[in-house]
Amino acid sequence: MTAETRDEFSQVLSKIEKIPSPHKENVLDIWERWLESKPQQPYFEDWFIFAQQYDNQQELFTETRVYIRMVRNALKDLETPKTIYRKVRKAIVSIASFFFVIFLAISRFARAGD
């Protein structure tokens, strides 16, 4: 593992440290096992395949799965360069999400008035 890779992984590790307590230890344990397995590029795909072994696939939703995907997204952000297209797309999605939330709030108030 190169020094640059270790530095990038330390950025991901800092995101793992922000995970709430019961799940942080679980994700951190999976992270350490993954590092011991000598991950291959692309790291985000290798991480996701490896971490699925520790996820309960029978459950429809688990918080651990959310945090595993958060780590995957952090690795993906490190590996894929940010293009103008991605930046614009992210801004548009953020604006659309904001207006969607506003629309839902207004419609809820309108229904409450009926």
PDB file of N, CA and C in Angstrom:
ATOM      1  N   MET A   1       0.845  -1.168   0.000  1.00  0.00           N
ATOM      2  CA  MET A   1       0.000   0.000   0.000  1.00  0.00           C
ATOM      3  C   MET A   1       0.894   1.235   0.000  1.00  0.00           C
ATOM      4  N   THR A   2       0.607   2.155  -0.878  1.00  0.00           N
ATOM      5  CA  THR A   2       1.432   3.354  -0.990  1.00  0.00           C
ATOM      6  C   THR A   2       1.061   4.365   0.094  1.00  0.00           C
ATOM      7  N   ALA A   3       1.932   5.353   0.255  1.00  0.00           N
ATOM      8  CA  ALA A   3       1.678   6.403   1.248  1.00  0.00           C
ATOM      9  C   ALA A   3       0.435   7.201   0.874  1.00  0.00           C
ATOM     10  N   GLU A   4       0.232   7.412  -0.418  1.00  0.00           N
ATOM     11  CA  GLU A   4      -0.950   8.149  -0.880  1.00  0.00           C
ATOM     12  C   GLU A   4      -2.224   7.379  -0.541  1.00  0.00           C
ATOM     13  N   THR A   5      -2.187   6.066  -0.743  1.00  0.00           N
ATOM     14  CA  THR A   5      -3.345   5.235  -0.421  1.00  0.00           C
ATOM     15  C   THR A   5      -3.629   5.258   1.073  1.00  0.00           C
ATOM     16  N   ARG A   6      -2.570   5.184   1.883  1.00  0.00           N
ATOM     17  CA  ARG A   6      -2.758   5.239   3.338  1.00  0.00           C
ATOM     18  C   ARG A   6      -3.384   6.564   3.754  1.00  0.00           C
ATOM     19  N   ASP A   7      -2.961   7.652   3.095  1.00  0.00           N
ATOM     20  CA  ASP A   7      -3.524   8.965   3.407  1.00  0.00           C
ATOM     21  C   ASP A   7      -5.002   9.021   3.031  1.00  0.00           C
ATOM     22  N   GLU A   8      -5.341   8.468   1.872  1.00  0.00           N
ATOM     23  CA  GLU A   8      -6.740   8.436   1.452  1.00  0.00           C
ATOM     24  C   GLU A   8      -7.569   7.583   2.403  1.00  0.00           C
ATOM     25  N   PHE A   9      -7.010   6.442   2.810  1.00  0.00           N
ATOM     26  CA  PHE A   9      -7.725   5.570   3.736  1.00  0.00           C
ATOM     27  C   PHE A   9      -7.897   6.232   5.096  1.00  0.00           C
ATOM     28  N   SER A  10      -6.955   7.094   5.483  1.00  0.00           N
ATOM     29  CA  SER A  10      -7.108   7.792   6.764  1.00  0.00           C
ATOM     30  C   SER A  10      -8.277   8.776   6.698  1.00  0.00           C
ATOM     31  N   GLN A  11      -8.545   9.322   5.508  1.00  0.00           N
ATOM     32  CA  GLN A  11      -9.712  10.192   5.343  1.00  0.00           C
ATOM     33  C   GLN A  11     -11.000   9.392   5.539  1.00  0.00           C
ATOM     34  N   VAL A  12     -11.022   8.182   5.001  1.00  0.00           N
ATOM     35  CA  VAL A  12     -12.196   7.321   5.166  1.00  0.00           C
ATOM     36  C   VAL A  12     -12.326   6.903   6.629  1.00  0.00           C
ATOM     37  N   LEU A  13     -11.206   6.614   7.261  1.00  0.00           N
ATOM     38  CA  LEU A  13     -11.218   6.224   8.667  1.00  0.00           C
ATOM     39  C   LEU A  13     -11.773   7.341   9.546  1.00  0.00           C
ATOM     40  N   SER A  14     -11.475   8.582   9.200  1.00  0.00           N
ATOM     41  CA  SER A  14     -12.025   9.702   9.975  1.00  0.00           C
ATOM     42  C   SER A  14     -13.547   9.767   9.828  1.00  0.00           C
ATOM     43  N   LYS A  15     -14.071   9.365   8.667  1.00  0.00           N
ATOM     44  CA  LYS A  15     -15.525   9.312   8.496  1.00  0.00           C
ATOM     45  C   LYS A  15     -16.124   8.165   9.305  1.00  0.00           C
ATOM     46  N   ILE A  16     -15.398   7.054   9.388  1.00  0.00           N
ATOM     47  CA  ILE A  16     -15.879   5.922  10.184  1.00  0.00           C
ATOM     48  C   ILE A  16     -15.940   6.308  11.654  1.00  0.00           C
ATOM     49  N   GLU A  17     -14.991   7.114  12.103  1.00  0.00           N
ATOM     50  CA  GLU A  17     -14.962   7.537  13.508  1.00  0.00           C
ATOM     51  C   GLU A  17     -16.182   8.376  13.883  1.00  0.00           C
ATOM     52  N   LYS A  18     -16.859   8.960  12.902  1.00  0.00           N
ATOM     53  CA  LYS A  18     -18.033   9.793  13.168  1.00  0.00           C
ATOM     54  C   LYS A  18     -19.326   8.987  13.263  1.00  0.00           C
ATOM     55  N   ILE A  19     -19.257   7.691  12.992  1.00  0.00           N
ATOM     56  CA  ILE A  19     -20.438   6.829  13.050  1.00  0.00           C
ATOM     57  C   ILE A  19     -20.856   6.659  14.513  1.00  0.00           C
ATOM     58  N   PRO A  20     -22.164   6.625  14.801  1.00  0.00           N
ATOM     59  CA  PRO A  20     -22.621   6.427  16.183  1.00  0.00           C
ATOM     60  C   PRO A  20     -22.099   5.126  16.796  1.00  0.00           C
ATOM     61  N   SER A  21     -22.026   5.124  18.083  1.00  0.00           N
ATOM     62  CA  SER A  21     -21.286   4.135  18.860  1.00  0.00           C
ATOM     63  C   SER A  21     -21.555   2.655  18.574  1.00  0.00           C
ATOM     64  N   PRO A  22     -22.761   2.138  18.646  1.00  0.00           N
ATOM     65  CA  PRO A  22     -22.841   0.680  18.491  1.00  0.00           C
ATOM     66  C   PRO A  22     -22.423   0.201  17.105  1.00  0.00           C
ATOM     67  N   HIS A  23     -22.577   1.038  16.102  1.00  0.00           N
ATOM     68  CA  HIS A  23     -22.260   0.630  14.736  1.00  0.00           C
ATOM     69  C   HIS A  23     -20.813   0.939  14.367  1.00  0.00           C
ATOM     70  N   LYS A  24     -20.227   1.916  15.036  1.00  0.00           N
ATOM     71  CA  LYS A  24     -18.849   2.299  14.715  1.00  0.00           C
ATOM     72  C   LYS A  24     -17.895   1.132  14.933  1.00  0.00           C
ATOM     73  N   GLU A  25     -18.037   0.427  16.054  1.00  0.00           N
ATOM     74  CA  GLU A  25     -17.145  -0.692  16.344  1.00  0.00           C
ATOM     75  C   GLU A  25     -17.304  -1.795  15.301  1.00  0.00           C
ATOM     76  N   ASN A  26     -18.542  -2.046  14.893  1.00  0.00           N
ATOM     77  CA  ASN A  26     -18.806  -3.082  13.902  1.00  0.00           C
ATOM     78  C   ASN A  26     -18.177  -2.723  12.555  1.00  0.00           C
ATOM     79  N   VAL A  27     -18.405  -1.505  12.094  1.00  0.00           N
ATOM     80  CA  VAL A  27     -17.864  -1.069  10.801  1.00  0.00           C
ATOM     81  C   VAL A  27     -16.340  -0.986  10.869  1.00  0.00           C
ATOM     82  N   LEU A  28     -15.813  -0.530  11.994  1.00  0.00           N
ATOM     83  CA  LEU A  28     -14.362  -0.443  12.165  1.00  0.00           C
ATOM     84  C   LEU A  28     -13.722  -1.827  12.130  1.00  0.00           C
ATOM     85  N   ASP A  29     -14.394  -2.808  12.723  1.00  0.00           N
ATOM     86  CA  ASP A  29     -13.899  -4.184  12.691  1.00  0.00           C
ATOM     87  C   ASP A  29     -13.889  -4.718  11.256  1.00  0.00           C
ATOM     88  N   ILE A  30     -14.963  -4.457  10.516  1.00  0.00           N
ATOM     89  CA  ILE A  30     -15.026  -4.875   9.106  1.00  0.00           C
ATOM     90  C   ILE A  30     -13.933  -4.170   8.310  1.00  0.00           C
ATOM     91  N   TRP A  31     -13.714  -2.880   8.574  1.00  0.00           N
ATOM     92  CA  TRP A  31     -12.686  -2.093   7.887  1.00  0.00           C
ATOM     93  C   TRP A  31     -11.302  -2.700   8.108  1.00  0.00           C
ATOM     94  N   GLU A  32     -10.988  -3.034   9.352  1.00  0.00           N
ATOM     95  CA  GLU A  32      -9.672  -3.604   9.658  1.00  0.00           C
ATOM     96  C   GLU A  32      -9.489  -4.965   9.003  1.00  0.00           C
ATOM     97  N   ARG A  33     -10.536  -5.785   9.004  1.00  0.00           N
ATOM     98  CA  ARG A  33     -10.454  -7.087   8.328  1.00  0.00           C
ATOM     99  C   ARG A  33     -10.252  -6.901   6.826  1.00  0.00           C
ATOM    100  N   TRP A  34     -10.924  -5.889   6.273  1.00  0.00           N
ATOM    101  CA  TRP A  34     -10.789  -5.623   4.840  1.00  0.00           C
ATOM    102  C   TRP A  34      -9.369  -5.193   4.507  1.00  0.00           C
ATOM    103  N   LEU A  35      -8.774  -4.341   5.331  1.00  0.00           N
ATOM    104  CA  LEU A  35      -7.398  -3.907   5.093  1.00  0.00           C
ATOM    105  C   LEU A  35      -6.425  -5.078   5.184  1.00  0.00           C
ATOM    106  N   GLU A  36      -6.695  -6.017   6.089  1.00  0.00           N
ATOM    107  CA  GLU A  36      -5.840  -7.199   6.220  1.00  0.00           C
ATOM    108  C   GLU A  36      -5.958  -8.120   5.015  1.00  0.00           C
ATOM    109  N   SER A  37      -7.075  -8.038   4.292  1.00  0.00           N
ATOM    110  CA  SER A  37      -7.290  -8.916   3.139  1.00  0.00           C
ATOM    111  C   SER A  37      -6.590  -8.422   1.875  1.00  0.00           C
ATOM    112  N   LYS A  38      -5.804  -7.355   1.995  1.00  0.00           N
ATOM    113  CA  LYS A  38      -5.077  -6.764   0.859  1.00  0.00           C
ATOM    114  C   LYS A  38      -6.039  -6.385  -0.269  1.00  0.00           C
ATOM    115  N   PRO A  39      -6.775  -5.304  -0.079  1.00  0.00           N
ATOM    116  CA  PRO A  39      -7.805  -4.912  -1.051  1.00  0.00           C
ATOM    117  C   PRO A  39      -7.219  -4.568  -2.416  1.00  0.00           C
ATOM    118  N   GLN A  40      -8.030  -4.800  -3.422  1.00  0.00           N
ATOM    119  CA  GLN A  40      -7.658  -4.521  -4.805  1.00  0.00           C
ATOM    120  C   GLN A  40      -8.489  -3.350  -5.315  1.00  0.00           C
ATOM    121  N   GLN A  41      -7.941  -2.660  -6.309  1.00  0.00           N
ATOM    122  CA  GLN A  41      -8.681  -1.562  -6.918  1.00  0.00           C
ATOM    123  C   GLN A  41      -9.720  -2.126  -7.868  1.00  0.00           C
ATOM    124  N   PRO A  42     -10.810  -1.489  -8.080  1.00  0.00           N
ATOM    125  CA  PRO A  42     -11.309  -0.296  -7.412  1.00  0.00           C
ATOM    126  C   PRO A  42     -11.722  -0.633  -5.982  1.00  0.00           C
ATOM    127  N   TYR A  43     -11.247   0.164  -5.057  1.00  0.00           N
ATOM    128  CA  TYR A  43     -11.429  -0.118  -3.641  1.00  0.00           C
ATOM    129  C   TYR A  43     -12.895  -0.095  -3.222  1.00  0.00           C
ATOM    130  N   PHE A  44     -13.675   0.814  -3.794  1.00  0.00           N
ATOM    131  CA  PHE A  44     -15.067   0.916  -3.356  1.00  0.00           C
ATOM    132  C   PHE A  44     -15.854  -0.341  -3.696  1.00  0.00           C
ATOM    133  N   GLU A  45     -15.564  -0.970  -4.832  1.00  0.00           N
ATOM    134  CA  GLU A  45     -16.241  -2.215  -5.186  1.00  0.00           C
ATOM    135  C   GLU A  45     -15.734  -3.366  -4.332  1.00  0.00           C
ATOM    136  N   ASP A  46     -14.426  -3.416  -4.120  1.00  0.00           N
ATOM    137  CA  ASP A  46     -13.839  -4.469  -3.298  1.00  0.00           C
ATOM    138  C   ASP A  46     -14.366  -4.392  -1.866  1.00  0.00           C
ATOM    139  N   TRP A  47     -14.464  -3.173  -1.337  1.00  0.00           N
ATOM    140  CA  TRP A  47     -14.997  -2.978   0.020  1.00  0.00           C
ATOM    141  C   TRP A  47     -16.444  -3.462   0.100  1.00  0.00           C
ATOM    142  N   PHE A  48     -17.255  -3.094  -0.885  1.00  0.00           N
ATOM    143  CA  PHE A  48     -18.673  -3.427  -0.831  1.00  0.00           C
ATOM    144  C   PHE A  48     -18.880  -4.938  -0.899  1.00  0.00           C
ATOM    145  N   ILE A  49     -18.137  -5.616  -1.755  1.00  0.00           N
ATOM    146  CA  ILE A  49     -18.238  -7.076  -1.856  1.00  0.00           C
ATOM    147  C   ILE A  49     -17.789  -7.723  -0.552  1.00  0.00           C
ATOM    148  N   PHE A  50     -16.685  -7.238   0.003  1.00  0.00           N
ATOM    149  CA  PHE A  50     -16.168  -7.791   1.256  1.00  0.00           C
ATOM    150  C   PHE A  50     -17.138  -7.544   2.409  1.00  0.00           C
ATOM    151  N   ALA A  51     -17.677  -6.342   2.504  1.00  0.00           N
ATOM    152  CA  ALA A  51     -18.533  -5.974   3.637  1.00  0.00           C
ATOM    153  C   ALA A  51     -19.883  -6.680   3.593  1.00  0.00           C
ATOM    154  N   GLN A  52     -20.317  -7.113   2.425  1.00  0.00           N
ATOM    155  CA  GLN A  52     -21.597  -7.814   2.328  1.00  0.00           C
ATOM    156  C   GLN A  52     -21.589  -9.123   3.107  1.00  0.00           C
ATOM    157  N   GLN A  53     -20.418  -9.696   3.320  1.00  0.00           N
ATOM    158  CA  GLN A  53     -20.319 -10.930   4.101  1.00  0.00           C
ATOM    159  C   GLN A  53     -20.787 -10.706   5.534  1.00  0.00           C
ATOM    160  N   TYR A  54     -20.622  -9.494   6.030  1.00  0.00           N
ATOM    161  CA  TYR A  54     -20.933  -9.180   7.423  1.00  0.00           C
ATOM    162  C   TYR A  54     -22.296  -8.512   7.584  1.00  0.00           C
ATOM    163  N   ASP A  55     -23.000  -8.332   6.490  1.00  0.00           N
ATOM    164  CA  ASP A  55     -24.309  -7.695   6.538  1.00  0.00           C
ATOM    165  C   ASP A  55     -25.385  -8.773   6.542  1.00  0.00           C
ATOM    166  N   ASN A  56     -26.453  -8.528   7.273  1.00  0.00           N
ATOM    167  CA  ASN A  56     -27.574  -9.455   7.322  1.00  0.00           C
ATOM    168  C   ASN A  56     -28.440  -9.229   6.082  1.00  0.00           C
ATOM    169  N   GLN A  57     -28.305 -10.107   5.106  1.00  0.00           N
ATOM    170  CA  GLN A  57     -29.027  -9.950   3.846  1.00  0.00           C
ATOM    171  C   GLN A  57     -30.509 -10.273   3.980  1.00  0.00           C
ATOM    172  N   GLN A  58     -30.901 -10.953   5.068  1.00  0.00           N
ATOM    173  CA  GLN A  58     -32.307 -11.301   5.267  1.00  0.00           C
ATOM    174  C   GLN A  58     -33.146 -10.085   5.662  1.00  0.00           C
ATOM    175  N   GLU A  59     -32.515  -9.114   6.290  1.00  0.00           N
ATOM    176  CA  GLU A  59     -33.221  -7.911   6.728  1.00  0.00           C
ATOM    177  C   GLU A  59     -33.406  -6.952   5.553  1.00  0.00           C
ATOM    178  N   LEU A  60     -34.540  -6.295   5.535  1.00  0.00           N
ATOM    179  CA  LEU A  60     -34.807  -5.319   4.484  1.00  0.00           C
ATOM    180  C   LEU A  60     -33.960  -4.066   4.667  1.00  0.00           C
ATOM    181  N   PHE A  61     -33.792  -3.645   5.930  1.00  0.00           N
ATOM    182  CA  PHE A  61     -33.028  -2.438   6.238  1.00  0.00           C
ATOM    183  C   PHE A  61     -32.237  -2.669   7.514  1.00  0.00           C
ATOM    184  N   THR A  62     -30.946  -2.345   7.469  1.00  0.00           N
ATOM    185  CA  THR A  62     -30.134  -2.368   8.685  1.00  0.00           C
ATOM    186  C   THR A  62     -29.303  -1.094   8.713  1.00  0.00           C
ATOM    187  N   GLU A  63     -29.079  -0.591   9.904  1.00  0.00           N
ATOM    188  CA  GLU A  63     -28.268   0.616  10.023  1.00  0.00           C
ATOM    189  C   GLU A  63     -26.825   0.337   9.632  1.00  0.00           C
ATOM    190  N   THR A  64     -26.364  -0.876   9.912  1.00  0.00           N
ATOM    191  CA  THR A  64     -24.996  -1.225   9.530  1.00  0.00           C
ATOM    192  C   THR A  64     -24.828  -1.128   8.023  1.00  0.00           C
ATOM    193  N   ARG A  65     -25.836  -1.551   7.281  1.00  0.00           N
ATOM    194  CA  ARG A  65     -25.774  -1.472   5.819  1.00  0.00           C
ATOM    195  C   ARG A  65     -25.656  -0.023   5.357  1.00  0.00           C
ATOM    196  N   VAL A  66     -26.346   0.868   6.046  1.00  0.00           N
ATOM    197  CA  VAL A  66     -26.267   2.291   5.706  1.00  0.00           C
ATOM    198  C   VAL A  66     -24.835   2.787   5.880  1.00  0.00           C
ATOM    199  N   TYR A  67     -24.196   2.399   6.985  1.00  0.00           N
ATOM    200  CA  TYR A  67     -22.839   2.859   7.248  1.00  0.00           C
ATOM    201  C   TYR A  67     -21.823   2.176   6.331  1.00  0.00           C
ATOM    202  N   ILE A  68     -22.087   0.938   5.945  1.00  0.00           N
ATOM    203  CA  ILE A  68     -21.216   0.261   4.975  1.00  0.00           C
ATOM    204  C   ILE A  68     -21.271   1.005   3.643  1.00  0.00           C
ATOM    205  N   ARG A  69     -22.456   1.419   3.250  1.00  0.00           N
ATOM    206  CA  ARG A  69     -22.590   2.181   2.002  1.00  0.00           C
ATOM    207  C   ARG A  69     -21.966   3.564   2.119  1.00  0.00           C
ATOM    208  N   MET A  70     -22.017   4.136   3.313  1.00  0.00           N
ATOM    209  CA  MET A  70     -21.377   5.434   3.524  1.00  0.00           C
ATOM    210  C   MET A  70     -19.868   5.315   3.292  1.00  0.00           C
ATOM    211  N   VAL A  71     -19.274   4.233   3.797  1.00  0.00           N
ATOM    212  CA  VAL A  71     -17.841   4.002   3.588  1.00  0.00           C
ATOM    213  C   VAL A  71     -17.575   3.759   2.106  1.00  0.00           C
ATOM    214  N   ARG A  72     -18.451   3.010   1.456  1.00  0.00           N
ATOM    215  CA  ARG A  72     -18.297   2.760   0.018  1.00  0.00           C
ATOM    216  C   ARG A  72     -18.320   4.072  -0.756  1.00  0.00           C
ATOM    217  N   ASN A  73     -19.249   4.948  -0.417  1.00  0.00           N
ATOM    218  CA  ASN A  73     -19.337   6.239  -1.104  1.00  0.00           C
ATOM    219  C   ASN A  73     -18.107   7.096  -0.844  1.00  0.00           C
ATOM    220  N   ALA A  74     -17.568   7.027   0.369  1.00  0.00           N
ATOM    221  CA  ALA A  74     -16.350   7.787   0.684  1.00  0.00           C
ATOM    222  C   ALA A  74     -15.182   7.275  -0.150  1.00  0.00           C
ATOM    223  N   LEU A  75     -15.071   5.951  -0.285  1.00  0.00           N
ATOM    224  CA  LEU A  75     -14.009   5.379  -1.123  1.00  0.00           C
ATOM    225  C   LEU A  75     -14.217   5.750  -2.589  1.00  0.00           C
ATOM    226  N   LYS A  76     -15.470   5.735  -3.021  1.00  0.00           N
ATOM    227  CA  LYS A  76     -15.763   6.073  -4.416  1.00  0.00           C
ATOM    228  C   LYS A  76     -15.415   7.527  -4.703  1.00  0.00           C
ATOM    229  N   ASP A  77     -15.714   8.417  -3.757  1.00  0.00           N
ATOM    230  CA  ASP A  77     -15.372   9.831  -3.936  1.00  0.00           C
ATOM    231  C   ASP A  77     -13.871  10.034  -4.033  1.00  0.00           C
ATOM    232  N   LEU A  78     -13.107   9.220  -3.318  1.00  0.00           N
ATOM    233  CA  LEU A  78     -11.652   9.343  -3.381  1.00  0.00           C
ATOM    234  C   LEU A  78     -11.094   8.832  -4.701  1.00  0.00           C
ATOM    235  N   GLU A  79     -11.726   7.810  -5.256  1.00  0.00           N
ATOM    236  CA  GLU A  79     -11.175   7.171  -6.452  1.00  0.00           C
ATOM    237  C   GLU A  79     -11.623   7.804  -7.755  1.00  0.00           C
ATOM    238  N   THR A  80     -12.850   8.271  -7.802  1.00  0.00           N
ATOM    239  CA  THR A  80     -13.332   8.836  -9.053  1.00  0.00           C
ATOM    240  C   THR A  80     -13.155  10.345  -9.023  1.00  0.00           C
ATOM    241  N   PRO A  81     -12.519  10.885 -10.038  1.00  0.00           N
ATOM    242  CA  PRO A  81     -12.280  12.329 -10.040  1.00  0.00           C
ATOM    243  C   PRO A  81     -13.588  13.100 -10.175  1.00  0.00           C
ATOM    244  N   LYS A  82     -13.628  14.223  -9.524  1.00  0.00           N
ATOM    245  CA  LYS A  82     -14.817  15.078  -9.593  1.00  0.00           C
ATOM    246  C   LYS A  82     -14.775  15.865 -10.902  1.00  0.00           C
ATOM    247  N   THR A  83     -15.684  15.548 -11.780  1.00  0.00           N
ATOM    248  CA  THR A  83     -15.775  16.273 -13.040  1.00  0.00           C
ATOM    249  C   THR A  83     -16.806  17.387 -12.886  1.00  0.00           C
ATOM    250  N   ILE A  84     -16.788  18.285 -13.824  1.00  0.00           N
ATOM    251  CA  ILE A  84     -17.763  19.377 -13.814  1.00  0.00           C
ATOM    252  C   ILE A  84     -19.173  18.795 -13.876  1.00  0.00           C
ATOM    253  N   TYR A  85     -19.339  17.751 -14.677  1.00  0.00           N
ATOM    254  CA  TYR A  85     -20.647  17.119 -14.814  1.00  0.00           C
ATOM    255  C   TYR A  85     -21.140  16.598 -13.466  1.00  0.00           C
ATOM    256  N   ARG A  86     -20.279  15.923 -12.711  1.00  0.00           N
ATOM    257  CA  ARG A  86     -20.665  15.386 -11.399  1.00  0.00           C
ATOM    258  C   ARG A  86     -20.987  16.505 -10.424  1.00  0.00           C
ATOM    259  N   LYS A  87     -20.221  17.579 -10.456  1.00  0.00           N
ATOM    260  CA  LYS A  87     -20.472  18.699  -9.545  1.00  0.00           C
ATOM    261  C   LYS A  87     -21.814  19.357  -9.855  1.00  0.00           C
ATOM    262  N   VAL A  88     -22.085  19.561 -11.138  1.00  0.00           N
ATOM    263  CA  VAL A  88     -23.352  20.176 -11.544  1.00  0.00           C
ATOM    264  C   VAL A  88     -24.514  19.253 -11.184  1.00  0.00           C
ATOM    265  N   ARG A  89     -24.355  17.973 -11.453  1.00  0.00           N
ATOM    266  CA  ARG A  89     -25.407  17.009 -11.141  1.00  0.00           C
ATOM    267  C   ARG A  89     -25.701  16.994  -9.645  1.00  0.00           C
ATOM    268  N   LYS A  90     -24.667  17.017  -8.836  1.00  0.00           N
ATOM    269  CA  LYS A  90     -24.848  17.013  -7.384  1.00  0.00           C
ATOM    270  C   LYS A  90     -25.563  18.280  -6.921  1.00  0.00           C
ATOM    271  N   ALA A  91     -25.226  19.416  -7.508  1.00  0.00           N
ATOM    272  CA  ALA A  91     -25.886  20.673  -7.146  1.00  0.00           C
ATOM    273  C   ALA A  91     -27.358  20.646  -7.533  1.00  0.00           C
ATOM    274  N   ILE A  92     -27.658  20.133  -8.712  1.00  0.00           N
ATOM    275  CA  ILE A  92     -29.052  20.059  -9.161  1.00  0.00           C
ATOM    276  C   ILE A  92     -29.862  19.130  -8.263  1.00  0.00           C
ATOM    277  N   VAL A  93     -29.290  18.005  -7.901  1.00  0.00           N
ATOM    278  CA  VAL A  93     -29.985  17.064  -7.015  1.00  0.00           C
ATOM    279  C   VAL A  93     -30.228  17.692  -5.648  1.00  0.00           C
ATOM    280  N   SER A  94     -29.261  18.430  -5.151  1.00  0.00           N
ATOM    281  CA  SER A  94     -29.429  19.096  -3.852  1.00  0.00           C
ATOM    282  C   SER A  94     -30.555  20.123  -3.897  1.00  0.00           C
ATOM    283  N   ILE A  95     -30.586  20.908  -4.949  1.00  0.00           N
ATOM    284  CA  ILE A  95     -31.637  21.925  -5.096  1.00  0.00           C
ATOM    285  C   ILE A  95     -33.001  21.255  -5.246  1.00  0.00           C
ATOM    286  N   ALA A  96     -33.069  20.201  -6.051  1.00  0.00           N
ATOM    287  CA  ALA A  96     -34.336  19.489  -6.240  1.00  0.00           C
ATOM    288  C   ALA A  96     -34.814  18.874  -4.927  1.00  0.00           C
ATOM    289  N   SER A  97     -33.906  18.329  -4.149  1.00  0.00           N
ATOM    290  CA  SER A  97     -34.275  17.749  -2.853  1.00  0.00           C
ATOM    291  C   SER A  97     -34.832  18.810  -1.925  1.00  0.00           C
ATOM    292  N   PHE A  98     -34.210  19.965  -1.923  1.00  0.00           N
ATOM    293  CA  PHE A  98     -34.676  21.068  -1.078  1.00  0.00           C
ATOM    294  C   PHE A  98     -36.104  21.454  -1.448  1.00  0.00           C
ATOM    295  N   PHE A  99     -36.368  21.644  -2.743  1.00  0.00           N
ATOM    296  CA  PHE A  99     -37.705  22.039  -3.167  1.00  0.00           C
ATOM    297  C   PHE A  99     -38.726  20.924  -2.938  1.00  0.00           C
ATOM    298  N   PHE A 100     -38.302  19.683  -3.032  1.00  0.00           N
ATOM    299  CA  PHE A 100     -39.198  18.561  -2.760  1.00  0.00           C
ATOM    300  C   PHE A 100     -39.635  18.565  -1.296  1.00  0.00           C
ATOM    301  N   VAL A 101     -38.708  18.821  -0.399  1.00  0.00           N
ATOM    302  CA  VAL A 101     -39.035  18.891   1.030  1.00  0.00           C
ATOM    303  C   VAL A 101     -39.989  20.050   1.293  1.00  0.00           C
ATOM    304  N   ILE A 102     -39.739  21.188   0.672  1.00  0.00           N
ATOM    305  CA  ILE A 102     -40.631  22.344   0.818  1.00  0.00           C
ATOM    306  C   ILE A 102     -42.027  22.000   0.302  1.00  0.00           C
ATOM    307  N   PHE A 103     -42.098  21.348  -0.848  1.00  0.00           N
ATOM    308  CA  PHE A 103     -43.385  20.942  -1.417  1.00  0.00           C
ATOM    309  C   PHE A 103     -44.130  20.005  -0.474  1.00  0.00           C
ATOM    310  N   LEU A 104     -43.433  19.036   0.098  1.00  0.00           N
ATOM    311  CA  LEU A 104     -44.076  18.109   1.032  1.00  0.00           C
ATOM    312  C   LEU A 104     -44.598  18.831   2.270  1.00  0.00           C
ATOM    313  N   ALA A 105     -43.826  19.781   2.768  1.00  0.00           N
ATOM    314  CA  ALA A 105     -44.262  20.536   3.949  1.00  0.00           C
ATOM    315  C   ALA A 105     -45.510  21.356   3.634  1.00  0.00           C
ATOM    316  N   ILE A 106     -45.527  22.010   2.487  1.00  0.00           N
ATOM    317  CA  ILE A 106     -46.686  22.821   2.099  1.00  0.00           C
ATOM    318  C   ILE A 106     -47.913  21.935   1.907  1.00  0.00           C
ATOM    319  N   SER A 107     -47.747  20.793   1.262  1.00  0.00           N
ATOM    320  CA  SER A 107     -48.899  19.910   1.043  1.00  0.00           C
ATOM    321  C   SER A 107     -49.417  19.344   2.364  1.00  0.00           C
ATOM    322  N   ARG A 108     -48.539  19.092   3.308  1.00  0.00           N
ATOM    323  CA  ARG A 108     -48.975  18.601   4.619  1.00  0.00           C
ATOM    324  C   ARG A 108     -49.782  19.678   5.340  1.00  0.00           C
ATOM    325  N   PHE A 109     -49.306  20.935   5.277  1.00  0.00           N
ATOM    326  CA  PHE A 109     -50.051  22.029   5.896  1.00  0.00           C
ATOM    327  C   PHE A 109     -51.411  22.210   5.226  1.00  0.00           C
ATOM    328  N   ALA A 110     -51.465  22.052   3.921  1.00  0.00           N
ATOM    329  CA  ALA A 110     -52.726  22.199   3.200  1.00  0.00           C
ATOM    330  C   ALA A 110     -53.708  21.101   3.603  1.00  0.00           C
ATOM    331  N   ARG A 111     -53.218  19.882   3.757  1.00  0.00           N
ATOM    332  CA  ARG A 111     -54.083  18.782   4.184  1.00  0.00           C
ATOM    333  C   ARG A 111     -54.547  18.964   5.619  1.00  0.00           C
ATOM    334  N   ALA A 112     -53.686  19.516   6.454  1.00  0.00           N
ATOM    335  CA  ALA A 112     -54.057  19.740   7.856  1.00  0.00           C
ATOM    336  C   ALA A 112     -55.151  20.792   7.962  1.00  0.00           C
ATOM    337  N   GLY A 113     -55.181  21.709   7.021  1.00  0.00           N
ATOM    338  CA  GLY A 113     -56.201  22.756   7.030  1.00  0.00           C
ATOM    339  C   GLY A 113     -57.567  22.266   6.583  1.00  0.00           C
ATOM    340  N   ASP A 114     -57.612  21.140   5.906  1.00  0.00           N
ATOM    341  CA  ASP A 114     -58.903  20.615   5.406  1.00  0.00           C
ATOM    342  C   ASP A 114     -59.746  20.034   6.492  1.00  0.00           C
TER     343      ASP A 114
END
